[in-house]
Amino acid sequence: MSNVQLTDNLVSLRKSYKYTQKQIAGKLNISRQAYSNYERGKRIPDISMLIRLADIYGVTLEQLLTQACTRDGIINENHGPYFRGLIIETADTLYLTQEELEVLSCYRKASADDRRLVRKVLDINAFG
């Protein structure tokens, strides 16, 4: 089980700083493969590792775990509160804003044609 926001942040922050996985792994004194497992959600970093990662990127631990972070440490979605969700197929944790919850709720209530239109507008190919 992984935290989707954490894995997204680890990838996006590393890329925005133009670090390689090997460079971050070196800063953490772990193997590149171990770090890769964090980014792919195969392993969850322990609290001391999370604190070190937050320090490397100049964000708070809370931001790293629950909010979309930019290189400047600015939160993309600075309104909240965030609601915890669970991806059923993978048991991954996901944090959503109130606006995102409303969009998902409306999507669930929409007709099949409206859902297809939404997927087309968002360029989502999954589910036909």
N, C-alpha and C. Protein backbone atom coordinates (compact mmCIF):
# COMPACT_ATOMS: atom_id res chain seq x y z
N MET A 1 0.85 -1.17 0.00
CA MET A 1 0.00 0.00 0.00
C MET A 1 0.90 1.24 0.00
N SER A 2 0.58 2.18 -0.87
CA SER A 2 1.40 3.39 -0.94
C SER A 2 0.53 4.63 -0.88
N ASN A 3 1.17 5.75 -0.71
CA ASN A 3 0.52 7.04 -0.71
C ASN A 3 0.74 7.64 -2.10
N VAL A 4 -0.33 7.76 -2.88
CA VAL A 4 -0.22 8.23 -4.26
C VAL A 4 0.37 9.63 -4.32
N GLN A 5 -0.03 10.51 -3.42
CA GLN A 5 0.49 11.88 -3.43
C GLN A 5 1.99 11.89 -3.16
N LEU A 6 2.43 11.06 -2.24
CA LEU A 6 3.86 10.98 -1.95
C LEU A 6 4.63 10.53 -3.18
N THR A 7 4.20 9.47 -3.82
CA THR A 7 4.94 8.98 -4.98
C THR A 7 4.93 10.02 -6.10
N ASP A 8 3.81 10.69 -6.32
CA ASP A 8 3.75 11.76 -7.33
C ASP A 8 4.74 12.87 -6.99
N ASN A 9 4.78 13.27 -5.71
CA ASN A 9 5.68 14.34 -5.29
C ASN A 9 7.14 13.93 -5.44
N LEU A 10 7.47 12.70 -5.10
CA LEU A 10 8.85 12.26 -5.21
C LEU A 10 9.33 12.34 -6.65
N VAL A 11 8.49 11.92 -7.57
CA VAL A 11 8.87 11.96 -8.99
C VAL A 11 8.93 13.39 -9.50
N SER A 12 7.86 14.17 -9.24
CA SER A 12 7.81 15.52 -9.82
C SER A 12 8.86 16.45 -9.21
N LEU A 13 9.09 16.35 -7.90
CA LEU A 13 10.11 17.20 -7.29
C LEU A 13 11.50 16.82 -7.77
N ARG A 14 11.78 15.53 -7.85
CA ARG A 14 13.10 15.09 -8.33
C ARG A 14 13.34 15.61 -9.75
N LYS A 15 12.35 15.47 -10.60
CA LYS A 15 12.51 15.92 -11.99
C LYS A 15 12.63 17.44 -12.08
N SER A 16 11.86 18.17 -11.28
CA SER A 16 11.92 19.63 -11.34
C SER A 16 13.27 20.15 -10.86
N TYR A 17 13.91 19.42 -9.96
CA TYR A 17 15.25 19.79 -9.50
C TYR A 17 16.34 19.21 -10.41
N LYS A 18 15.91 18.46 -11.40
CA LYS A 18 16.83 17.82 -12.36
C LYS A 18 17.81 16.85 -11.69
N TYR A 19 17.31 16.17 -10.66
CA TYR A 19 18.09 15.12 -10.01
C TYR A 19 17.78 13.79 -10.68
N THR A 20 18.75 12.90 -10.66
CA THR A 20 18.50 11.53 -11.07
C THR A 20 18.13 10.74 -9.82
N GLN A 21 17.57 9.56 -10.03
CA GLN A 21 17.28 8.70 -8.89
C GLN A 21 18.57 8.36 -8.15
N LYS A 22 19.65 8.17 -8.88
CA LYS A 22 20.94 7.84 -8.27
C LYS A 22 21.43 8.97 -7.38
N GLN A 23 21.24 10.22 -7.82
CA GLN A 23 21.67 11.37 -7.01
C GLN A 23 20.88 11.45 -5.70
N ILE A 24 19.56 11.28 -5.78
CA ILE A 24 18.75 11.33 -4.56
C ILE A 24 19.11 10.16 -3.65
N ALA A 25 19.27 8.99 -4.24
CA ALA A 25 19.65 7.82 -3.43
C ALA A 25 20.97 8.09 -2.71
N GLY A 26 21.91 8.74 -3.39
CA GLY A 26 23.18 9.08 -2.76
C GLY A 26 23.01 10.02 -1.59
N LYS A 27 22.13 11.01 -1.73
CA LYS A 27 21.87 11.94 -0.63
C LYS A 27 21.25 11.23 0.57
N LEU A 28 20.53 10.14 0.29
CA LEU A 28 19.85 9.40 1.34
C LEU A 28 20.68 8.21 1.85
N ASN A 29 21.82 7.97 1.21
CA ASN A 29 22.67 6.83 1.54
C ASN A 29 21.94 5.49 1.38
N ILE A 30 21.20 5.37 0.28
CA ILE A 30 20.53 4.13 -0.05
C ILE A 30 20.83 3.81 -1.52
N SER A 31 20.47 2.63 -1.97
CA SER A 31 20.70 2.27 -3.37
C SER A 31 19.67 2.97 -4.27
N ARG A 32 20.03 3.09 -5.53
CA ARG A 32 19.10 3.67 -6.50
C ARG A 32 17.83 2.82 -6.57
N GLN A 33 17.98 1.51 -6.52
CA GLN A 33 16.83 0.61 -6.56
C GLN A 33 15.90 0.83 -5.36
N ALA A 34 16.47 1.02 -4.19
CA ALA A 34 15.64 1.28 -3.00
C ALA A 34 14.85 2.57 -3.19
N TYR A 35 15.53 3.61 -3.71
CA TYR A 35 14.82 4.87 -3.94
C TYR A 35 13.75 4.71 -5.02
N SER A 36 14.06 3.98 -6.07
CA SER A 36 13.09 3.73 -7.13
C SER A 36 11.82 3.08 -6.58
N ASN A 37 12.00 2.20 -5.62
CA ASN A 37 10.84 1.55 -4.99
C ASN A 37 9.95 2.56 -4.28
N TYR A 38 10.52 3.63 -3.73
CA TYR A 38 9.72 4.68 -3.10
C TYR A 38 8.89 5.40 -4.15
N GLU A 39 9.53 5.75 -5.27
CA GLU A 39 8.82 6.48 -6.32
C GLU A 39 7.72 5.65 -6.96
N ARG A 40 7.91 4.35 -7.03
CA ARG A 40 6.90 3.48 -7.64
C ARG A 40 5.87 2.98 -6.65
N GLY A 41 6.03 3.35 -5.38
CA GLY A 41 5.05 2.95 -4.37
C GLY A 41 5.20 1.51 -3.93
N LYS A 42 6.31 0.88 -4.26
CA LYS A 42 6.52 -0.51 -3.85
C LYS A 42 6.98 -0.61 -2.40
N ARG A 43 7.61 0.46 -1.92
CA ARG A 43 8.02 0.54 -0.52
C ARG A 43 7.68 1.92 0.00
N ILE A 44 7.39 2.01 1.29
CA ILE A 44 7.08 3.29 1.91
C ILE A 44 8.27 3.69 2.77
N PRO A 45 8.80 4.90 2.55
CA PRO A 45 9.94 5.34 3.37
C PRO A 45 9.53 5.45 4.84
N ASP A 46 10.48 5.14 5.74
CA ASP A 46 10.17 5.32 7.16
C ASP A 46 10.20 6.81 7.48
N ILE A 47 9.81 7.16 8.69
CA ILE A 47 9.63 8.58 9.05
C ILE A 47 10.93 9.36 8.93
N SER A 48 12.05 8.77 9.31
CA SER A 48 13.32 9.50 9.20
C SER A 48 13.68 9.77 7.74
N MET A 49 13.38 8.83 6.87
CA MET A 49 13.64 9.01 5.44
C MET A 49 12.70 10.07 4.86
N LEU A 50 11.46 10.07 5.29
CA LEU A 50 10.51 11.08 4.82
C LEU A 50 10.96 12.49 5.23
N ILE A 51 11.45 12.61 6.45
CA ILE A 51 11.94 13.91 6.92
C ILE A 51 13.13 14.36 6.08
N ARG A 52 14.04 13.44 5.78
CA ARG A 52 15.19 13.78 4.95
C ARG A 52 14.76 14.20 3.55
N LEU A 53 13.79 13.50 2.97
CA LEU A 53 13.27 13.86 1.65
C LEU A 53 12.64 15.24 1.66
N ALA A 54 11.84 15.52 2.69
CA ALA A 54 11.21 16.84 2.80
C ALA A 54 12.28 17.93 2.90
N ASP A 55 13.34 17.66 3.64
CA ASP A 55 14.43 18.63 3.77
C ASP A 55 15.14 18.86 2.44
N ILE A 56 15.38 17.80 1.70
CA ILE A 56 16.04 17.92 0.39
C ILE A 56 15.27 18.86 -0.52
N TYR A 57 13.94 18.74 -0.51
CA TYR A 57 13.10 19.52 -1.42
C TYR A 57 12.56 20.81 -0.81
N GLY A 58 12.84 21.05 0.45
CA GLY A 58 12.39 22.29 1.07
C GLY A 58 10.89 22.39 1.26
N VAL A 59 10.26 21.27 1.55
CA VAL A 59 8.82 21.25 1.81
C VAL A 59 8.61 20.67 3.21
N THR A 60 7.42 20.85 3.73
CA THR A 60 7.11 20.24 5.02
C THR A 60 6.76 18.77 4.82
N LEU A 61 6.83 18.03 5.89
CA LEU A 61 6.46 16.63 5.83
C LEU A 61 5.00 16.48 5.40
N GLU A 62 4.14 17.33 5.93
CA GLU A 62 2.72 17.29 5.57
C GLU A 62 2.53 17.55 4.07
N GLN A 63 3.24 18.53 3.54
CA GLN A 63 3.13 18.83 2.12
C GLN A 63 3.59 17.64 1.28
N LEU A 64 4.70 17.05 1.66
CA LEU A 64 5.24 15.93 0.91
C LEU A 64 4.25 14.77 0.85
N LEU A 65 3.53 14.56 1.95
CA LEU A 65 2.62 13.41 2.04
C LEU A 65 1.22 13.67 1.50
N THR A 66 0.74 14.92 1.59
CA THR A 66 -0.69 15.13 1.33
C THR A 66 -1.04 16.16 0.27
N GLN A 67 -0.06 16.93 -0.20
CA GLN A 67 -0.40 18.01 -1.12
C GLN A 67 0.54 18.02 -2.30
N ALA A 68 0.03 18.42 -3.44
CA ALA A 68 0.87 18.52 -4.63
C ALA A 68 1.86 19.65 -4.45
N CYS A 69 3.16 19.33 -4.53
CA CYS A 69 4.22 20.30 -4.27
C CYS A 69 4.87 20.74 -5.57
N THR A 70 5.33 21.98 -5.57
CA THR A 70 6.12 22.48 -6.68
C THR A 70 7.55 22.62 -6.21
N ARG A 71 8.43 22.95 -7.11
CA ARG A 71 9.83 23.12 -6.76
C ARG A 71 10.02 24.18 -5.68
N ASP A 72 9.17 25.21 -5.70
CA ASP A 72 9.27 26.29 -4.73
C ASP A 72 8.64 25.94 -3.39
N GLY A 73 8.10 24.73 -3.28
CA GLY A 73 7.46 24.32 -2.04
C GLY A 73 6.06 24.87 -1.92
N ILE A 74 5.58 25.52 -2.98
CA ILE A 74 4.24 26.09 -3.00
C ILE A 74 3.25 24.98 -3.31
N ILE A 75 2.16 25.00 -2.63
CA ILE A 75 1.14 23.98 -2.82
C ILE A 75 0.26 24.37 -4.00
N ASN A 76 0.09 23.45 -4.94
CA ASN A 76 -0.76 23.73 -6.09
C ASN A 76 -2.21 23.93 -5.70
N GLU A 77 -2.66 23.13 -4.77
CA GLU A 77 -4.03 23.23 -4.27
C GLU A 77 -3.96 23.73 -2.85
N ASN A 78 -4.03 25.05 -2.65
CA ASN A 78 -3.83 25.56 -1.30
C ASN A 78 -5.14 25.79 -0.55
N HIS A 79 -6.18 25.13 -1.00
CA HIS A 79 -7.42 25.16 -0.24
C HIS A 79 -7.72 23.74 0.21
N GLY A 80 -8.41 23.62 1.26
CA GLY A 80 -8.65 22.30 1.81
C GLY A 80 -9.93 22.33 2.62
N PRO A 81 -10.14 21.49 3.51
CA PRO A 81 -9.20 20.45 3.90
C PRO A 81 -9.16 19.32 2.88
N TYR A 82 -8.17 18.47 3.00
CA TYR A 82 -8.04 17.33 2.11
C TYR A 82 -8.78 16.15 2.71
N PHE A 83 -9.34 15.34 1.85
CA PHE A 83 -10.07 14.17 2.27
C PHE A 83 -9.30 12.95 1.81
N ARG A 84 -9.18 12.00 2.69
CA ARG A 84 -8.43 10.79 2.38
C ARG A 84 -9.30 9.83 1.60
N GLY A 85 -8.74 9.27 0.55
CA GLY A 85 -9.43 8.27 -0.25
C GLY A 85 -8.57 7.03 -0.39
N LEU A 86 -9.13 6.00 -0.93
CA LEU A 86 -8.42 4.75 -1.10
C LEU A 86 -8.71 4.23 -2.50
N ILE A 87 -7.66 3.91 -3.25
CA ILE A 87 -7.83 3.29 -4.56
C ILE A 87 -8.04 1.81 -4.30
N ILE A 88 -9.21 1.31 -4.61
CA ILE A 88 -9.59 -0.04 -4.22
C ILE A 88 -8.67 -1.11 -4.81
N GLU A 89 -8.34 -0.98 -6.09
CA GLU A 89 -7.54 -2.01 -6.75
C GLU A 89 -6.15 -2.16 -6.15
N THR A 90 -5.56 -1.07 -5.69
CA THR A 90 -4.17 -1.11 -5.21
C THR A 90 -4.03 -0.83 -3.72
N ALA A 91 -5.09 -0.39 -3.08
CA ALA A 91 -5.08 0.01 -1.66
C ALA A 91 -4.17 1.21 -1.43
N ASP A 92 -3.91 2.02 -2.46
CA ASP A 92 -3.11 3.23 -2.33
C ASP A 92 -3.93 4.34 -1.72
N THR A 93 -3.29 5.18 -0.93
CA THR A 93 -3.94 6.33 -0.31
C THR A 93 -3.90 7.50 -1.28
N LEU A 94 -4.99 8.25 -1.34
CA LEU A 94 -5.10 9.40 -2.22
C LEU A 94 -5.77 10.52 -1.43
N TYR A 95 -5.27 11.75 -1.56
CA TYR A 95 -5.85 12.89 -0.86
C TYR A 95 -6.52 13.81 -1.87
N LEU A 96 -7.77 14.17 -1.60
CA LEU A 96 -8.56 14.96 -2.53
C LEU A 96 -9.04 16.25 -1.88
N THR A 97 -9.13 17.31 -2.70
CA THR A 97 -9.73 18.55 -2.23
C THR A 97 -11.25 18.42 -2.30
N GLN A 98 -11.94 19.39 -1.71
CA GLN A 98 -13.40 19.40 -1.78
C GLN A 98 -13.85 19.49 -3.24
N GLU A 99 -13.19 20.31 -4.03
CA GLU A 99 -13.55 20.44 -5.45
C GLU A 99 -13.40 19.11 -6.18
N GLU A 100 -12.31 18.39 -5.91
CA GLU A 100 -12.10 17.10 -6.56
C GLU A 100 -13.17 16.10 -6.14
N LEU A 101 -13.55 16.13 -4.87
CA LEU A 101 -14.63 15.25 -4.41
C LEU A 101 -15.94 15.55 -5.13
N GLU A 102 -16.24 16.83 -5.31
CA GLU A 102 -17.46 17.22 -6.00
C GLU A 102 -17.45 16.75 -7.45
N VAL A 103 -16.31 16.89 -8.12
CA VAL A 103 -16.19 16.44 -9.51
C VAL A 103 -16.42 14.93 -9.59
N LEU A 104 -15.78 14.18 -8.69
CA LEU A 104 -15.95 12.73 -8.69
C LEU A 104 -17.40 12.33 -8.40
N SER A 105 -18.01 13.03 -7.47
CA SER A 105 -19.40 12.75 -7.13
C SER A 105 -20.32 12.98 -8.34
N CYS A 106 -20.11 14.09 -9.03
CA CYS A 106 -20.91 14.38 -10.23
C CYS A 106 -20.64 13.36 -11.32
N TYR A 107 -19.40 12.96 -11.48
CA TYR A 107 -19.04 11.97 -12.49
C TYR A 107 -19.78 10.66 -12.23
N ARG A 108 -19.84 10.26 -10.98
CA ARG A 108 -20.52 9.01 -10.63
C ARG A 108 -22.02 9.08 -10.95
N LYS A 109 -22.60 10.26 -10.85
CA LYS A 109 -24.03 10.43 -11.11
C LYS A 109 -24.34 10.64 -12.59
N ALA A 110 -23.31 10.90 -13.39
CA ALA A 110 -23.50 11.24 -14.81
C ALA A 110 -23.91 10.01 -15.62
N SER A 111 -24.56 10.28 -16.75
CA SER A 111 -24.94 9.21 -17.66
C SER A 111 -23.69 8.65 -18.34
N ALA A 112 -23.82 7.50 -18.96
CA ALA A 112 -22.69 6.87 -19.66
C ALA A 112 -22.15 7.79 -20.76
N ASP A 113 -23.06 8.48 -21.49
CA ASP A 113 -22.62 9.40 -22.54
C ASP A 113 -21.84 10.57 -21.97
N ASP A 114 -22.32 11.12 -20.86
CA ASP A 114 -21.61 12.24 -20.22
C ASP A 114 -20.24 11.80 -19.69
N ARG A 115 -20.17 10.59 -19.17
CA ARG A 115 -18.88 10.07 -18.68
C ARG A 115 -17.89 9.93 -19.84
N ARG A 116 -18.37 9.43 -20.98
CA ARG A 116 -17.50 9.32 -22.16
C ARG A 116 -17.00 10.69 -22.59
N LEU A 117 -17.88 11.68 -22.54
CA LEU A 117 -17.50 13.05 -22.92
C LEU A 117 -16.42 13.60 -21.96
N VAL A 118 -16.60 13.38 -20.68
CA VAL A 118 -15.63 13.83 -19.69
C VAL A 118 -14.28 13.17 -19.95
N ARG A 119 -14.30 11.85 -20.19
CA ARG A 119 -13.03 11.15 -20.46
C ARG A 119 -12.38 11.68 -21.73
N LYS A 120 -13.18 12.01 -22.71
CA LYS A 120 -12.62 12.55 -23.96
C LYS A 120 -12.00 13.94 -23.71
N VAL A 121 -12.71 14.80 -23.01
CA VAL A 121 -12.19 16.14 -22.71
C VAL A 121 -10.90 16.05 -21.91
N LEU A 122 -10.82 15.12 -20.97
CA LEU A 122 -9.64 14.97 -20.13
C LEU A 122 -8.59 14.06 -20.76
N ASP A 123 -8.88 13.57 -21.94
CA ASP A 123 -7.96 12.68 -22.68
C ASP A 123 -7.61 11.44 -21.87
N ILE A 124 -8.67 10.81 -21.32
CA ILE A 124 -8.53 9.58 -20.56
C ILE A 124 -9.04 8.44 -21.42
N ASN A 125 -8.19 7.49 -21.70
CA ASN A 125 -8.56 6.38 -22.58
C ASN A 125 -9.07 5.16 -21.85
N ALA A 126 -8.91 5.13 -20.56
CA ALA A 126 -9.31 3.96 -19.77
C ALA A 126 -10.81 3.75 -19.85
N PHE A 127 -11.21 2.54 -19.76
CA PHE A 127 -12.61 2.11 -19.70
C PHE A 127 -13.38 2.44 -20.97
N GLY A 128 -12.72 2.43 -22.08
CA GLY A 128 -13.39 2.50 -23.35
C GLY A 128 -13.66 3.85 -23.85
